Amino acid sequence: MRGTGDLQGEDRALHVLNRLAFGPKPGDLEHVRSIGYERYIQEQLHPESIPLAPALSERLARMPTLRMTPVELFVEFMLPIRRAAKGDKQAKREARRRARLVLEQAAEARLVRALESPRQLEEVLTAFWFNHFNVFAAKGPCLVWTGSFEQEAIRPHVLGRFRTLLGATARHPAMLFYLDNWLNTAPGSPGARGRFDGINENYAREIMELHTLGVNGGYTQQDVVALAHILTGWGLAPLGRLARLNRMRRADFFRLGRERALARARQEILANGTGFHFDPRRHDFSPKIFLGRRIEGAGAAEVEHALDILASHPATARHLSFELARYFVADQPPPAMVSAMAERYLASGGDIRAVMLTMLERPEFFARPYARNKFRTPYEYVIAAVRATGVRVTNFRPMAGMMRMLGMPLYGCQTPNGYAQTEQAWLNPDAMMMRLSFATALGTGHLPLERPEFEEVADQEAGGGGAMQMRGAGRLFARNHARQTGFVEKRAKRDAPMTPPDAPRLMATLGNAFSAETSRAIASAPERLRAALVLGSPEMMMR
């Protein structure tokens, strides 16, 4: 039975590493103990004060697509796909392969930062806010824009003001394409023609239901319609024109007498590297009533006014505070904590850092009933397990592959509500067996994280028999330990592509925070198998 009271001493150090970081890596606990958990919290709330290791900065610098604008990404990687659409199949396949490399580079950057960056809260919040403002990478040009969306619209604002974050996502082409607002056009407007033929409510609905007010935020269908009209013309630069220009021969320009005009249009599109464009020809300039307020027809200024209203709304304060508390504290967070966070949100003008500090200063945050009560999502588990080993990853495909097998591919959530962040969504027998298979491969040195070649390491031998639920997991862990040991032993006898982690050092990295049953099961196993059992333990599944 979980104890009552507050966490004390070193338990607090481990707790902040499990909540403000993706779990401890070697040396992290010692660092937090030496400076104190209070100073660690302050450092994490001000990531700009924490220097990045030169090696990490150099790795990121070798990823050129991270520094490309959305328009540059479109021109470099999407236009070749369009050019090859009517060409030979090999050219089209090669163009798609090049475009997929942009997303792979974004995923590698996300994972290397999550593993190595000392600015762990920044990484945790980047994942949190990306999930909150989710876009699906497999939808059209989002393939090359998703990494830019995270890099430009999410990452710089994770501890800033929510209004700034909201505005950045609202202007990014990945969001505008994913939720179809680039098509949103006032009926009967001068620009209403072709595919731009009417109102599209998708973004208006999701920005209220998911991004700001919440499903019970007090808005009506009339508010959805009003916001959709406010958002008409709020979309993308005419990137399709670049594709048409790209297909035209120079002789065609002279024949059509439009060379100079088309060249100027191309230059203008490229100069606006953001890819965002407001088209007044497709906007509804009539007055609107939105959430009880009258908004006069003023073009793009209407959108900014609406975003101001949404960001400062009490329902938004409650919704965001609940989401943050659910992620950082409990699947069912304490109502008093959520209320205090919402009050701080409103008083601070939506300052995310201030809201986080209020949460961390609440007595509930260090209350023992809320320690180790959050079941790790597949993303969190894979990163936490690899971090704990201290391995320097150069091949990220096994990690990404396991996330995909567990139902949480990076940038792969199709629906705008993002991945669920609760135990109910991820705890099931099949998933637990796959996690144990991953722990086995990692703990015995058979996960090729230190070499570029990807080898499939999931073993079907681990797929049969038994469920491993976290309720009573300690007993089940011990009972099934012998069978798992048999599988691990087969794996351990093969040549390992990397040095297996040392089990005692691994347990110390994780704070030796294991139950008596788990500790006995690990101690009774052959030495070469213990690290795998540590990484597959019930305690490792929780944060």
Protein backbone atom coordinates (compact mmCIF):
# COMPACT_ATOMS: atom_id res chain seq x y z
CA MET A 1 0.00 0.00 0.00
CA ARG A 2 1.31 3.44 -0.94
CA GLY A 3 2.42 5.44 2.07
CA THR A 4 1.10 8.80 3.16
CA GLY A 5 2.91 12.02 3.99
CA ASP A 6 5.51 13.86 1.94
CA LEU A 7 8.61 12.68 0.14
CA GLN A 8 11.76 13.66 1.98
CA GLY A 9 15.46 14.06 1.24
CA GLU A 10 16.81 11.96 -1.59
CA ASP A 11 13.33 10.76 -2.54
CA ARG A 12 12.62 14.30 -3.72
CA ALA A 13 15.70 14.29 -5.92
CA LEU A 14 14.53 11.13 -7.67
CA HIS A 15 10.98 12.46 -7.91
CA VAL A 16 11.97 15.65 -9.75
CA LEU A 17 14.12 13.62 -12.15
CA ASN A 18 11.16 11.37 -12.90
CA ARG A 19 8.80 14.29 -13.47
CA LEU A 20 10.87 17.19 -14.81
CA ALA A 21 13.18 14.92 -16.79
CA PHE A 22 12.86 11.68 -18.72
CA GLY A 23 14.23 9.82 -15.72
CA PRO A 24 17.79 9.88 -14.40
CA LYS A 25 20.86 9.08 -16.44
CA PRO A 26 24.23 8.22 -14.82
CA GLY A 27 25.35 11.09 -12.60
CA ASP A 28 21.99 12.89 -12.50
CA LEU A 29 21.03 11.85 -8.98
CA GLU A 30 24.42 12.86 -7.66
CA HIS A 31 24.07 16.24 -9.39
CA VAL A 32 20.63 16.94 -7.90
CA ARG A 33 21.78 15.83 -4.46
CA SER A 34 24.81 18.11 -4.63
CA ILE A 35 22.94 21.28 -5.63
CA GLY A 36 19.62 20.47 -3.95
CA TYR A 37 16.32 19.75 -5.65
CA GLU A 38 15.14 23.38 -5.21
CA ARG A 39 18.05 24.73 -7.25
CA TYR A 40 17.56 21.97 -9.82
CA ILE A 41 13.94 23.04 -10.26
CA GLN A 42 14.97 26.68 -10.72
CA GLU A 43 17.60 25.71 -13.28
CA GLN A 44 15.11 23.65 -15.24
CA LEU A 45 12.58 26.50 -15.21
CA HIS A 46 15.27 28.71 -16.79
CA PRO A 47 16.86 26.43 -19.41
CA GLU A 48 18.74 29.31 -21.00
CA SER A 49 20.96 29.27 -17.89
CA ILE A 50 22.06 25.68 -18.55
CA PRO A 51 24.84 25.34 -21.15
CA LEU A 52 24.60 22.59 -23.73
CA ALA A 53 27.53 20.24 -24.11
CA PRO A 54 29.59 21.06 -27.23
CA ALA A 55 29.14 17.50 -28.46
CA LEU A 56 25.35 17.87 -28.41
CA SER A 57 25.49 21.23 -30.16
CA GLU A 58 27.76 19.74 -32.81
CA ARG A 59 25.37 16.82 -33.40
CA LEU A 60 22.46 19.20 -33.88
CA ALA A 61 24.54 21.44 -36.14
CA ARG A 62 25.04 18.48 -38.48
CA MET A 63 21.28 18.42 -39.17
CA PRO A 64 20.82 21.17 -41.77
CA THR A 65 17.06 20.78 -42.21
CA LEU A 66 16.56 22.03 -38.63
CA ARG A 67 17.63 25.47 -39.84
CA MET A 68 15.55 25.58 -43.02
CA THR A 69 12.39 27.67 -43.27
CA PRO A 70 9.06 26.04 -44.18
CA VAL A 71 9.24 27.53 -47.68
CA GLU A 72 12.81 26.29 -48.18
CA LEU A 73 11.74 22.83 -47.05
CA PHE A 74 8.81 22.89 -49.47
CA VAL A 75 10.94 24.01 -52.40
CA GLU A 76 13.79 21.60 -51.67
CA PHE A 77 11.82 18.46 -50.81
CA MET A 78 8.14 18.73 -51.84
CA LEU A 79 8.48 20.32 -55.27
CA PRO A 80 10.61 17.42 -56.56
CA ILE A 81 7.77 15.04 -55.61
CA ARG A 82 5.32 17.16 -57.58
CA ARG A 83 7.72 17.36 -60.52
CA ALA A 84 8.07 13.59 -60.51
CA ALA A 85 4.33 12.96 -60.18
CA LYS A 86 3.96 12.43 -63.92
CA GLY A 87 7.47 11.16 -64.45
CA ASP A 88 9.00 7.75 -63.93
CA LYS A 89 8.25 5.81 -60.76
CA GLN A 90 11.89 5.62 -59.73
CA ALA A 91 12.21 9.42 -59.69
CA LYS A 92 9.06 9.69 -57.59
CA ARG A 93 10.31 7.08 -55.11
CA GLU A 94 13.64 8.87 -54.80
CA ALA A 95 11.92 12.23 -54.24
CA ARG A 96 9.74 10.73 -51.50
CA ARG A 97 12.77 9.10 -49.91
CA ARG A 98 14.54 12.47 -49.73
CA ALA A 99 11.46 14.09 -48.20
CA ARG A 100 11.22 11.37 -45.55
CA LEU A 101 14.79 12.12 -44.52
CA VAL A 102 13.59 15.53 -43.29
CA LEU A 103 11.22 13.86 -40.82
CA GLU A 104 13.88 11.34 -39.81
CA GLN A 105 16.25 14.19 -39.04
CA ALA A 106 13.57 15.91 -36.94
CA ALA A 107 12.96 12.68 -35.03
CA GLU A 108 16.68 12.16 -34.44
CA ALA A 109 17.01 15.73 -33.15
CA ARG A 110 14.06 15.21 -30.77
CA LEU A 111 15.47 11.94 -29.44
CA VAL A 112 19.08 13.07 -29.07
CA ARG A 113 17.93 16.10 -27.11
CA ALA A 114 15.66 13.99 -24.90
CA LEU A 115 18.56 11.64 -24.17
CA GLU A 116 21.43 14.08 -23.77
CA SER A 117 20.23 17.62 -23.13
CA PRO A 118 20.70 18.84 -19.54
CA ARG A 119 17.68 21.10 -20.19
CA GLN A 120 15.37 18.22 -19.46
CA LEU A 121 12.25 20.18 -18.54
CA GLU A 122 12.51 21.99 -21.87
CA GLU A 123 12.51 18.61 -23.61
CA VAL A 124 9.62 17.25 -21.54
CA LEU A 125 7.57 20.37 -22.25
CA THR A 126 8.46 20.32 -25.94
CA ALA A 127 6.98 16.82 -26.14
CA PHE A 128 3.99 17.89 -24.03
CA TRP A 129 3.13 20.99 -26.07
CA PHE A 130 3.73 19.28 -29.41
CA ASN A 131 1.25 16.63 -28.32
CA HIS A 132 -1.17 19.36 -27.20
CA PHE A 133 -0.94 21.08 -30.61
CA ASN A 134 -0.55 17.82 -32.50
CA VAL A 135 -0.04 17.67 -36.26
CA PHE A 136 0.19 14.43 -38.27
CA ALA A 137 3.40 14.16 -40.25
CA ALA A 138 2.00 11.87 -42.94
CA LYS A 139 -0.51 14.43 -44.25
CA GLY A 140 0.84 16.05 -47.41
CA PRO A 141 3.62 18.60 -46.90
CA CYS A 142 3.43 18.09 -43.12
CA LEU A 143 6.00 15.42 -43.94
CA VAL A 144 8.62 18.16 -44.28
CA TRP A 145 6.95 20.77 -42.05
CA THR A 146 6.42 18.83 -38.81
CA GLY A 147 10.01 19.20 -37.65
CA SER A 148 9.88 22.92 -38.42
CA PHE A 149 6.61 23.18 -36.48
CA GLU A 150 8.30 21.74 -33.40
CA GLN A 151 11.50 23.72 -33.93
CA GLU A 152 9.92 27.13 -34.60
CA ALA A 153 6.38 27.14 -33.21
CA ILE A 154 6.74 24.93 -30.11
CA ARG A 155 10.26 24.71 -28.72
CA PRO A 156 11.04 28.45 -28.27
CA HIS A 157 7.82 29.06 -26.30
CA VAL A 158 7.39 26.08 -23.96
CA LEU A 159 8.04 28.19 -20.84
CA GLY A 160 6.86 31.52 -22.20
CA ARG A 161 3.41 33.04 -22.47
CA PHE A 162 0.72 30.75 -23.79
CA ARG A 163 -0.62 33.48 -26.08
CA THR A 164 2.74 33.57 -27.87
CA LEU A 165 2.77 29.79 -28.20
CA LEU A 166 -0.81 29.78 -29.48
CA GLY A 167 -0.03 32.47 -32.03
CA ALA A 168 3.08 30.68 -33.27
CA THR A 169 1.16 27.45 -33.87
CA ALA A 170 -1.69 29.36 -35.53
CA ARG A 171 0.69 30.84 -38.13
CA HIS A 172 2.70 27.73 -38.94
CA PRO A 173 1.90 26.04 -42.26
CA ALA A 174 1.96 22.57 -40.69
CA MET A 175 -1.02 23.44 -38.47
CA LEU A 176 -2.85 25.35 -41.19
CA PHE A 177 -2.49 22.47 -43.64
CA TYR A 178 -3.17 19.69 -41.12
CA LEU A 179 -6.45 21.23 -39.92
CA ASP A 180 -7.40 22.54 -43.38
CA ASN A 181 -7.62 26.24 -42.57
CA TRP A 182 -5.59 27.01 -45.68
CA LEU A 183 -8.81 26.17 -47.58
CA ASN A 184 -11.11 28.25 -45.35
CA THR A 185 -12.78 30.84 -47.59
CA ALA A 186 -15.71 33.22 -47.20
CA PRO A 187 -18.46 32.16 -49.64
CA GLY A 188 -18.98 34.77 -52.32
CA SER A 189 -15.67 36.50 -51.61
CA PRO A 190 -13.49 37.59 -54.57
CA GLY A 191 -11.09 34.72 -53.88
CA ALA A 192 -13.76 31.99 -53.64
CA ARG A 193 -13.02 29.66 -56.53
CA GLY A 194 -11.76 26.17 -57.18
CA ARG A 195 -10.79 24.38 -53.99
CA PHE A 196 -11.23 27.63 -52.05
CA ASP A 197 -14.99 27.33 -52.18
CA GLY A 198 -16.37 27.81 -48.68
CA ILE A 199 -16.11 27.71 -44.91
CA ASN A 200 -14.00 25.01 -43.27
CA GLU A 201 -14.63 24.71 -39.52
CA ASN A 202 -11.94 22.15 -38.65
CA TYR A 203 -9.33 24.47 -37.18
CA ALA A 204 -11.89 26.73 -35.50
CA ARG A 205 -13.39 23.76 -33.68
CA GLU A 206 -10.10 22.19 -32.61
CA ILE A 207 -8.51 25.44 -31.47
CA MET A 208 -11.34 25.82 -28.95
CA GLU A 209 -11.95 22.19 -28.01
CA LEU A 210 -8.33 21.06 -27.79
CA HIS A 211 -5.95 24.01 -27.79
CA THR A 212 -7.69 26.50 -25.49
CA LEU A 213 -11.14 26.31 -23.84
CA GLY A 214 -11.52 22.54 -23.64
CA VAL A 215 -14.50 20.39 -24.54
CA ASN A 216 -16.55 21.79 -21.65
CA GLY A 217 -15.32 25.35 -22.11
CA GLY A 218 -18.71 26.93 -22.60
CA TYR A 219 -18.59 27.65 -26.32
CA THR A 220 -21.40 26.86 -28.76
CA GLN A 221 -21.66 25.80 -32.38
CA GLN A 222 -22.38 29.43 -33.18
CA ASP A 223 -18.98 30.31 -31.71
CA VAL A 224 -17.34 27.66 -33.91
CA VAL A 225 -19.00 29.14 -36.99
CA ALA A 226 -18.05 32.69 -35.96
CA LEU A 227 -14.42 31.73 -35.40
CA ALA A 228 -14.32 29.89 -38.72
CA HIS A 229 -15.47 33.10 -40.45
CA ILE A 230 -12.86 35.09 -38.50
CA LEU A 231 -10.23 32.65 -39.78
CA THR A 232 -11.18 32.93 -43.46
CA GLY A 233 -8.18 33.76 -45.62
CA TRP A 234 -5.77 32.87 -42.80
CA GLY A 235 -3.58 30.33 -44.54
CA LEU A 236 -0.58 29.58 -46.70
CA ALA A 237 1.53 31.50 -49.14
CA PRO A 238 0.60 30.38 -52.68
CA LEU A 239 3.12 27.57 -52.66
CA GLY A 240 1.23 25.76 -55.38
CA ARG A 241 2.29 28.59 -57.68
CA LEU A 242 5.88 27.56 -57.06
CA ALA A 243 5.04 24.11 -58.37
CA ARG A 244 3.48 25.59 -61.51
CA LEU A 245 6.46 27.90 -62.00
CA ASN A 246 8.76 24.97 -61.52
CA ARG A 247 7.06 23.03 -64.33
CA MET A 248 7.10 25.93 -66.82
CA ARG A 249 9.85 26.15 -69.37
CA ARG A 250 11.54 29.48 -69.94
CA ALA A 251 10.07 29.60 -73.44
CA ASP A 252 6.60 29.39 -71.93
CA PHE A 253 7.28 32.52 -69.89
CA PHE A 254 8.10 34.49 -73.03
CA ARG A 255 5.14 33.01 -74.93
CA LEU A 256 2.74 33.93 -72.13
CA GLY A 257 4.36 37.33 -71.63
CA ARG A 258 4.47 36.78 -67.87
CA GLU A 259 8.11 36.03 -67.14
CA ARG A 260 8.74 39.15 -65.10
CA ALA A 261 5.51 38.87 -63.09
CA LEU A 262 6.00 35.19 -62.38
CA ALA A 263 9.62 35.66 -61.38
CA ARG A 264 8.57 38.42 -58.99
CA ALA A 265 5.87 36.17 -57.51
CA ARG A 266 8.39 33.40 -56.97
CA GLN A 267 10.79 35.81 -55.26
CA GLU A 268 8.03 37.09 -52.97
CA ILE A 269 7.01 33.58 -51.93
CA LEU A 270 10.59 32.59 -51.17
CA ALA A 271 11.20 35.81 -49.24
CA ASN A 272 8.31 34.95 -46.91
CA GLY A 273 10.10 31.95 -45.47
CA THR A 274 7.37 31.22 -42.93
CA GLY A 275 4.92 30.03 -45.55
CA PHE A 276 2.12 31.92 -43.77
CA HIS A 277 -0.09 34.26 -45.77
CA PHE A 278 -3.31 36.14 -45.07
CA ASP A 279 -5.42 36.54 -48.21
CA PRO A 280 -7.93 39.39 -47.81
CA ARG A 281 -9.66 38.32 -51.04
CA ARG A 282 -10.94 35.20 -49.25
CA HIS A 283 -11.82 36.85 -45.92
CA ASP A 284 -15.25 37.61 -44.49
CA PHE A 285 -15.08 41.27 -43.43
CA SER A 286 -18.52 41.37 -41.81
CA PRO A 287 -18.79 41.87 -38.00
CA LYS A 288 -18.95 38.70 -35.88
CA ILE A 289 -20.14 37.81 -32.39
CA PHE A 290 -17.59 35.46 -30.81
CA LEU A 291 -17.93 34.21 -27.22
CA GLY A 292 -20.31 37.07 -26.53
CA ARG A 293 -18.01 39.76 -27.92
CA ARG A 294 -18.42 41.76 -31.08
CA ILE A 295 -15.45 41.64 -33.44
CA GLU A 296 -15.49 44.19 -36.24
CA GLY A 297 -14.35 43.21 -39.70
CA ALA A 298 -10.66 44.07 -39.74
CA GLY A 299 -8.95 41.27 -41.64
CA ALA A 300 -6.01 39.55 -39.97
CA ALA A 301 -6.46 41.72 -36.87
CA GLU A 302 -9.70 39.82 -36.19
CA VAL A 303 -7.73 36.60 -35.77
CA GLU A 304 -5.31 38.22 -33.33
CA HIS A 305 -8.28 39.58 -31.35
CA ALA A 306 -9.91 36.14 -31.23
CA LEU A 307 -6.65 34.52 -30.09
CA ASP A 308 -6.36 37.15 -27.35
CA ILE A 309 -9.87 36.29 -26.15
CA LEU A 310 -9.18 32.56 -26.17
CA ALA A 311 -5.79 32.78 -24.44
CA SER A 312 -7.13 34.95 -21.61
CA HIS A 313 -10.35 33.01 -21.04
CA PRO A 314 -10.88 31.38 -17.59
CA ALA A 315 -11.86 28.13 -19.30
CA THR A 316 -8.49 28.07 -21.05
CA ALA A 317 -6.75 28.61 -17.71
CA ARG A 318 -8.61 25.63 -16.22
CA HIS A 319 -8.13 23.40 -19.24
CA LEU A 320 -4.39 23.98 -19.57
CA SER A 321 -3.84 23.70 -15.81
CA PHE A 322 -5.66 20.38 -15.74
CA GLU A 323 -3.64 19.07 -18.70
CA LEU A 324 -0.33 20.10 -17.12
CA ALA A 325 -1.26 18.66 -13.72
CA ARG A 326 -2.46 15.43 -15.32
CA TYR A 327 0.86 15.05 -17.10
CA PHE A 328 3.17 16.04 -14.24
CA VAL A 329 1.24 14.87 -11.16
CA ALA A 330 -1.55 12.31 -11.62
CA ASP A 331 -4.04 10.97 -14.13
CA GLN A 332 -6.68 12.48 -11.84
CA PRO A 333 -4.89 15.57 -10.51
CA PRO A 334 -5.87 17.20 -7.20
CA PRO A 335 -8.63 19.78 -7.85
CA ALA A 336 -7.10 22.27 -5.41
CA MET A 337 -3.82 22.17 -7.31
CA VAL A 338 -5.55 22.69 -10.66
CA SER A 339 -7.49 25.64 -9.25
CA ALA A 340 -4.32 27.26 -7.89
CA MET A 341 -2.59 26.82 -11.24
CA ALA A 342 -5.55 28.31 -13.11
CA GLU A 343 -5.58 31.33 -10.81
CA ARG A 344 -1.88 31.83 -11.40
CA TYR A 345 -2.38 31.54 -15.15
CA LEU A 346 -4.94 34.35 -15.14
CA ALA A 347 -2.96 36.54 -12.74
CA SER A 348 0.25 36.17 -14.76
CA GLY A 349 -1.27 36.71 -18.19
CA GLY A 350 -0.79 33.09 -19.18
CA ASP A 351 2.85 32.74 -18.11
CA ILE A 352 3.59 29.02 -18.43
CA ARG A 353 6.71 29.24 -16.25
CA ALA A 354 4.67 30.84 -13.45
CA VAL A 355 2.00 28.14 -13.73
CA MET A 356 4.65 25.41 -13.58
CA LEU A 357 6.23 27.00 -10.51
CA THR A 358 2.83 27.14 -8.78
CA MET A 359 2.37 23.44 -9.49
CA LEU A 360 5.84 22.58 -8.18
CA GLU A 361 5.35 24.62 -5.00
CA ARG A 362 2.05 22.97 -4.13
CA PRO A 363 2.25 20.42 -1.27
CA GLU A 364 0.58 17.81 -3.47
CA PHE A 365 3.54 17.68 -5.85
CA PHE A 366 5.77 16.01 -3.24
CA ALA A 367 2.97 14.11 -1.51
CA ARG A 368 3.83 10.41 -1.32
CA PRO A 369 0.52 9.24 -2.87
CA TYR A 370 1.53 11.04 -6.07
CA ALA A 371 5.04 9.56 -6.29
CA ARG A 372 5.67 6.83 -8.88
CA ASN A 373 1.97 6.89 -9.77
CA LYS A 374 2.30 7.81 -13.46
CA PHE A 375 2.59 4.96 -15.95
CA ARG A 376 5.16 5.80 -18.60
CA THR A 377 3.94 6.19 -22.15
CA PRO A 378 5.88 4.22 -24.78
CA TYR A 379 7.83 7.37 -25.65
CA GLU A 380 8.73 8.02 -22.01
CA TYR A 381 9.61 4.39 -21.30
CA VAL A 382 11.94 3.95 -24.25
CA ILE A 383 13.77 7.21 -23.53
CA ALA A 384 13.97 6.56 -19.77
CA ALA A 385 15.37 3.06 -20.29
CA VAL A 386 18.04 4.19 -22.75
CA ARG A 387 18.95 7.22 -20.61
CA ALA A 388 19.44 4.99 -17.58
CA THR A 389 22.04 2.90 -19.40
CA GLY A 390 24.11 5.96 -20.34
CA VAL A 391 24.75 4.64 -23.86
CA ARG A 392 25.59 7.26 -26.50
CA VAL A 393 23.10 6.52 -29.25
CA THR A 394 24.14 6.89 -32.88
CA ASN A 395 21.41 4.66 -34.36
CA PHE A 396 17.95 5.84 -33.33
CA ARG A 397 15.94 3.45 -35.45
CA PRO A 398 15.54 0.74 -32.78
CA MET A 399 14.10 3.35 -30.41
CA ALA A 400 11.73 4.75 -33.03
CA GLY A 401 10.79 1.23 -34.07
CA MET A 402 9.85 0.23 -30.54
CA MET A 403 7.73 3.36 -30.12
CA ARG A 404 5.95 2.44 -33.33
CA MET A 405 5.41 -1.17 -32.22
CA LEU A 406 3.96 0.09 -28.95
CA GLY A 407 1.45 2.26 -30.81
CA MET A 408 3.13 5.64 -30.32
CA PRO A 409 5.15 6.44 -33.44
CA LEU A 410 6.91 9.76 -33.16
CA TYR A 411 4.94 12.43 -35.08
CA GLY A 412 2.48 9.68 -36.04
CA CYS A 413 -0.73 10.53 -34.18
CA GLN A 414 -3.39 10.99 -36.86
CA THR A 415 -6.00 12.73 -34.71
CA PRO A 416 -5.64 16.34 -33.47
CA ASN A 417 -6.14 15.41 -29.81
CA GLY A 418 -2.66 13.85 -29.68
CA TYR A 419 -1.65 10.73 -27.80
CA ALA A 420 -3.31 9.93 -24.48
CA GLN A 421 -1.15 10.55 -21.41
CA THR A 422 -2.86 8.18 -18.96
CA GLU A 423 -2.24 4.65 -17.73
CA GLN A 424 -5.50 3.35 -19.16
CA ALA A 425 -4.38 4.11 -22.70
CA TRP A 426 -1.08 2.21 -22.58
CA LEU A 427 -1.23 -0.56 -19.96
CA ASN A 428 -2.15 -3.88 -21.55
CA PRO A 429 -0.61 -7.38 -21.64
CA ASP A 430 0.67 -7.27 -25.23
CA ALA A 431 2.36 -3.92 -24.72
CA MET A 432 4.01 -5.14 -21.52
CA MET A 433 5.47 -8.16 -23.30
CA MET A 434 6.90 -5.89 -26.01
CA ARG A 435 8.42 -3.65 -23.34
CA LEU A 436 10.02 -6.70 -21.75
CA SER A 437 11.42 -7.73 -25.11
CA PHE A 438 12.91 -4.24 -25.52
CA ALA A 439 14.34 -4.36 -21.98
CA THR A 440 15.86 -7.74 -22.76
CA ALA A 441 17.57 -6.55 -25.92
CA LEU A 442 18.82 -3.34 -24.28
CA GLY A 443 19.88 -4.98 -21.02
CA THR A 444 21.89 -7.74 -22.68
CA GLY A 445 23.60 -5.49 -25.23
CA HIS A 446 21.62 -6.69 -28.24
CA LEU A 447 20.03 -3.40 -29.22
CA PRO A 448 22.26 -1.86 -31.93
CA LEU A 449 22.08 1.72 -30.68
CA GLU A 450 25.78 2.39 -31.21
CA ARG A 451 26.01 1.51 -34.88
CA PRO A 452 24.20 2.82 -37.95
CA GLU A 453 22.85 -0.49 -39.21
CA PHE A 454 19.37 -1.31 -37.96
CA GLU A 455 18.79 -4.92 -37.01
CA GLU A 456 15.42 -6.25 -35.96
CA VAL A 457 15.88 -7.35 -32.36
CA ALA A 458 12.31 -8.01 -31.28
CA ASP A 459 12.13 -11.76 -30.69
CA GLN A 460 8.91 -13.69 -31.13
CA GLU A 461 10.01 -16.02 -28.35
CA ALA A 462 8.97 -13.30 -25.92
CA GLY A 463 5.48 -13.01 -27.34
CA GLY A 464 3.76 -15.91 -25.63
CA GLY A 465 2.24 -16.48 -22.26
CA GLY A 466 1.23 -14.37 -19.33
CA ALA A 467 0.10 -10.82 -18.75
CA MET A 468 2.04 -8.33 -16.75
CA GLN A 469 -0.30 -5.77 -15.27
CA MET A 470 1.07 -3.17 -12.91
CA ARG A 471 -1.49 -4.03 -10.25
CA GLY A 472 0.27 -6.83 -8.44
CA ALA A 473 3.11 -6.50 -10.89
CA GLY A 474 5.74 -7.22 -8.28
CA ARG A 475 4.36 -10.69 -7.61
CA LEU A 476 3.91 -11.39 -11.30
CA PHE A 477 7.41 -10.11 -12.04
CA ALA A 478 8.87 -12.58 -9.57
CA ARG A 479 6.63 -15.45 -10.70
CA ASN A 480 7.45 -15.03 -14.39
CA HIS A 481 11.08 -14.18 -13.72
CA ALA A 482 12.30 -17.71 -14.45
CA ARG A 483 10.58 -17.85 -17.82
CA GLN A 484 11.87 -14.42 -18.81
CA THR A 485 15.33 -15.46 -17.64
CA GLY A 486 15.22 -18.35 -20.07
CA PHE A 487 14.56 -15.98 -22.94
CA VAL A 488 17.21 -13.51 -21.76
CA GLU A 489 19.78 -16.30 -21.41
CA LYS A 490 19.28 -17.32 -25.04
CA ARG A 491 19.84 -13.71 -26.04
CA ALA A 492 22.84 -13.24 -23.76
CA LYS A 493 24.71 -16.21 -25.25
CA ARG A 494 24.83 -14.52 -28.65
CA ASP A 495 27.44 -11.95 -29.61
CA ALA A 496 26.22 -8.58 -28.36
CA PRO A 497 26.71 -5.52 -30.61
CA MET A 498 27.27 -3.29 -27.56
CA THR A 499 28.51 -3.67 -24.01
CA PRO A 500 25.64 -4.63 -21.67
CA PRO A 501 24.95 -2.18 -18.84
CA ASP A 502 26.22 -3.05 -15.38
CA ALA A 503 23.22 -3.99 -13.21
CA PRO A 504 24.40 -2.55 -9.85
CA ARG A 505 25.39 0.73 -11.52
CA LEU A 506 22.07 0.78 -13.36
CA MET A 507 20.14 0.28 -10.12
CA ALA A 508 22.13 3.06 -8.45
CA THR A 509 21.39 5.39 -11.37
CA LEU A 510 17.70 4.69 -10.80
CA GLY A 511 17.99 5.44 -7.10
CA ASN A 512 17.81 1.80 -5.95
CA ALA A 513 14.06 2.44 -5.76
CA PHE A 514 12.89 -1.14 -6.12
CA SER A 515 10.48 -3.23 -4.07
CA ALA A 516 11.72 -6.16 -2.03
CA GLU A 517 10.15 -8.61 -4.49
CA THR A 518 11.78 -6.96 -7.48
CA SER A 519 15.16 -6.78 -5.73
CA ARG A 520 15.02 -10.48 -4.83
CA ALA A 521 14.11 -11.46 -8.39
CA ILE A 522 17.02 -9.44 -9.79
CA ALA A 523 19.50 -10.73 -7.19
CA SER A 524 18.56 -14.37 -7.84
CA ALA A 525 19.14 -14.10 -11.60
CA PRO A 526 22.49 -14.84 -13.24
CA GLU A 527 24.66 -11.73 -13.25
CA ARG A 528 24.61 -11.29 -17.02
CA LEU A 529 20.81 -11.13 -16.98
CA ARG A 530 20.21 -8.67 -14.17
CA ALA A 531 20.32 -5.44 -16.15
CA ALA A 532 17.56 -6.72 -18.43
CA LEU A 533 15.41 -7.48 -15.40
CA VAL A 534 16.06 -4.00 -13.98
CA LEU A 535 14.93 -2.37 -17.23
CA GLY A 536 11.87 -4.60 -17.43
CA SER A 537 10.88 -4.22 -13.79
CA PRO A 538 7.51 -2.82 -12.65
CA GLU A 539 9.30 0.17 -11.12
CA MET A 540 10.82 1.07 -14.48
CA MET A 541 7.36 1.35 -15.99
CA MET A 542 6.40 4.13 -13.58
CA ARG A 543 7.57 7.67 -13.01
